[in-house]
Amino acid sequence: MAELGAAAIGAGATIGAALYTAASGFIARHENTHSLQVTEMRRHIADFEATYARGEVAEDDWRAYLAFRNQRVQVVVVYRILL
């Protein structure tokens, strides 16, 4: 009977370790993907703003971009408050 108890405890520990490892791996992949996306987004923003500075973006498009950017900034502020 003690062997069954030991086996159950061992199985539980193994499953717990496997879940922890899987969760840790997911979090690491998520953080890496997020960092890559942020880097790419910053590059796109810099390219778009440089294009505007060269006069290659219509004023309507620039105003739409500024409105969208301001809206996203507010969403980020709320998100950080809720964390």
C-alpha atoms as a PDB file:
ATOM      1  CA  MET A   1       0.000   0.000   0.000  1.00  0.00           C
ATOM      2  CA  ALA A   2       2.887   2.328   0.784  1.00  0.00           C
ATOM      3  CA  GLU A   3       4.222   1.679  -2.696  1.00  0.00           C
ATOM      4  CA  LEU A   4       0.968   2.948  -4.200  1.00  0.00           C
ATOM      5  CA  GLY A   5       1.168   6.098  -2.102  1.00  0.00           C
ATOM      6  CA  ALA A   6       4.775   6.687  -3.119  1.00  0.00           C
ATOM      7  CA  ALA A   7       3.895   6.056  -6.750  1.00  0.00           C
ATOM      8  CA  ALA A   8       0.991   8.521  -6.549  1.00  0.00           C
ATOM      9  CA  ILE A   9       3.211  11.175  -4.960  1.00  0.00           C
ATOM     10  CA  GLY A  10       5.922  10.555  -7.552  1.00  0.00           C
ATOM     11  CA  ALA A  11       3.417  10.764 -10.395  1.00  0.00           C
ATOM     12  CA  GLY A  12       1.963  13.968  -8.983  1.00  0.00           C
ATOM     13  CA  ALA A  13       5.415  15.518  -8.684  1.00  0.00           C
ATOM     14  CA  THR A  14       6.294  14.467 -12.223  1.00  0.00           C
ATOM     15  CA  ILE A  15       3.086  15.914 -13.628  1.00  0.00           C
ATOM     16  CA  GLY A  16       3.577  19.115 -11.643  1.00  0.00           C
ATOM     17  CA  ALA A  17       7.139  19.472 -12.918  1.00  0.00           C
ATOM     18  CA  ALA A  18       6.015  18.838 -16.498  1.00  0.00           C
ATOM     19  CA  LEU A  19       3.280  21.474 -16.234  1.00  0.00           C
ATOM     20  CA  TYR A  20       5.693  23.984 -14.726  1.00  0.00           C
ATOM     21  CA  THR A  21       8.231  23.336 -17.494  1.00  0.00           C
ATOM     22  CA  ALA A  22       5.585  23.666 -20.203  1.00  0.00           C
ATOM     23  CA  ALA A  23       4.255  26.889 -18.679  1.00  0.00           C
ATOM     24  CA  SER A  24       7.753  28.338 -18.323  1.00  0.00           C
ATOM     25  CA  GLY A  25       8.529  27.506 -21.932  1.00  0.00           C
ATOM     26  CA  PHE A  26       5.310  29.138 -23.105  1.00  0.00           C
ATOM     27  CA  ILE A  27       6.041  32.302 -21.142  1.00  0.00           C
ATOM     28  CA  ALA A  28       9.576  32.496 -22.529  1.00  0.00           C
ATOM     29  CA  ARG A  29       8.337  32.034 -26.104  1.00  0.00           C
ATOM     30  CA  HIS A  30       5.603  34.610 -25.541  1.00  0.00           C
ATOM     31  CA  GLU A  31       8.064  37.180 -24.182  1.00  0.00           C
ATOM     32  CA  ASN A  32      10.474  36.571 -27.059  1.00  0.00           C
ATOM     33  CA  THR A  33       7.717  36.902 -29.653  1.00  0.00           C
ATOM     34  CA  HIS A  34       6.435  40.061 -27.984  1.00  0.00           C
ATOM     35  CA  SER A  35       9.910  41.617 -28.006  1.00  0.00           C
ATOM     36  CA  LEU A  36      10.303  40.847 -31.706  1.00  0.00           C
ATOM     37  CA  GLN A  37       6.896  42.331 -32.480  1.00  0.00           C
ATOM     38  CA  VAL A  38       7.659  45.502 -30.525  1.00  0.00           C
ATOM     39  CA  THR A  39      10.975  45.904 -32.335  1.00  0.00           C
ATOM     40  CA  GLU A  40       9.322  45.426 -35.720  1.00  0.00           C
ATOM     41  CA  MET A  41       6.500  47.833 -34.853  1.00  0.00           C
ATOM     42  CA  ARG A  42       8.989  50.521 -33.787  1.00  0.00           C
ATOM     43  CA  ARG A  43      10.813  50.093 -37.094  1.00  0.00           C
ATOM     44  CA  HIS A  44       7.536  50.487 -39.019  1.00  0.00           C
ATOM     45  CA  ILE A  45       6.660  53.598 -37.010  1.00  0.00           C
ATOM     46  CA  ALA A  46      10.078  55.147 -37.655  1.00  0.00           C
ATOM     47  CA  ASP A  47       9.768  54.362 -41.375  1.00  0.00           C
ATOM     48  CA  PHE A  48       6.291  55.909 -41.564  1.00  0.00           C
ATOM     49  CA  GLU A  49       7.339  59.035 -39.664  1.00  0.00           C
ATOM     50  CA  ALA A  50      10.412  59.414 -41.893  1.00  0.00           C
ATOM     51  CA  THR A  51       8.175  59.066 -44.936  1.00  0.00           C
ATOM     52  CA  TYR A  52       5.937  61.833 -43.555  1.00  0.00           C
ATOM     53  CA  ALA A  53       8.978  64.034 -42.914  1.00  0.00           C
ATOM     54  CA  ARG A  54       9.920  63.642 -46.592  1.00  0.00           C
ATOM     55  CA  GLY A  55       6.437  64.824 -47.546  1.00  0.00           C
ATOM     56  CA  GLU A  56       5.349  61.466 -48.975  1.00  0.00           C
ATOM     57  CA  VAL A  57       2.318  60.982 -46.707  1.00  0.00           C
ATOM     58  CA  ALA A  58      -0.983  62.783 -47.172  1.00  0.00           C
ATOM     59  CA  GLU A  59      -2.088  65.018 -44.299  1.00  0.00           C
ATOM     60  CA  ASP A  60      -5.309  63.002 -43.881  1.00  0.00           C
ATOM     61  CA  ASP A  61      -3.281  59.812 -43.455  1.00  0.00           C
ATOM     62  CA  TRP A  62      -0.947  61.540 -41.004  1.00  0.00           C
ATOM     63  CA  ARG A  63      -3.873  62.817 -38.901  1.00  0.00           C
ATOM     64  CA  ALA A  64      -5.439  59.342 -38.931  1.00  0.00           C
ATOM     65  CA  TYR A  65      -2.115  57.894 -37.764  1.00  0.00           C
ATOM     66  CA  LEU A  66      -1.822  60.440 -34.941  1.00  0.00           C
ATOM     67  CA  ALA A  67      -5.397  59.751 -33.812  1.00  0.00           C
ATOM     68  CA  PHE A  68      -4.789  55.998 -33.840  1.00  0.00           C
ATOM     69  CA  ARG A  69      -1.473  56.387 -32.003  1.00  0.00           C
ATOM     70  CA  ASN A  70      -3.052  58.554 -29.304  1.00  0.00           C
ATOM     71  CA  GLN A  71      -5.865  56.035 -28.859  1.00  0.00           C
ATOM     72  CA  ARG A  72      -3.347  53.185 -28.494  1.00  0.00           C
ATOM     73  CA  VAL A  73      -1.328  55.179 -25.954  1.00  0.00           C
ATOM     74  CA  GLN A  74      -4.462  55.550 -23.832  1.00  0.00           C
ATOM     75  CA  VAL A  75      -5.125  51.814 -24.058  1.00  0.00           C
ATOM     76  CA  VAL A  76      -1.581  51.099 -22.878  1.00  0.00           C
ATOM     77  CA  VAL A  77      -1.997  53.495 -19.937  1.00  0.00           C
ATOM     78  CA  VAL A  78      -5.203  51.707 -18.870  1.00  0.00           C
ATOM     79  CA  TYR A  79      -3.574  48.303 -19.345  1.00  0.00           C
ATOM     80  CA  ARG A  80      -0.626  49.267 -17.132  1.00  0.00           C
ATOM     81  CA  ILE A  81      -2.943  50.633 -14.452  1.00  0.00           C
ATOM     82  CA  LEU A  82      -4.853  47.343 -14.388  1.00  0.00           C
ATOM     83  CA  LEU A  83      -1.671  45.309 -13.968  1.00  0.00           C
END
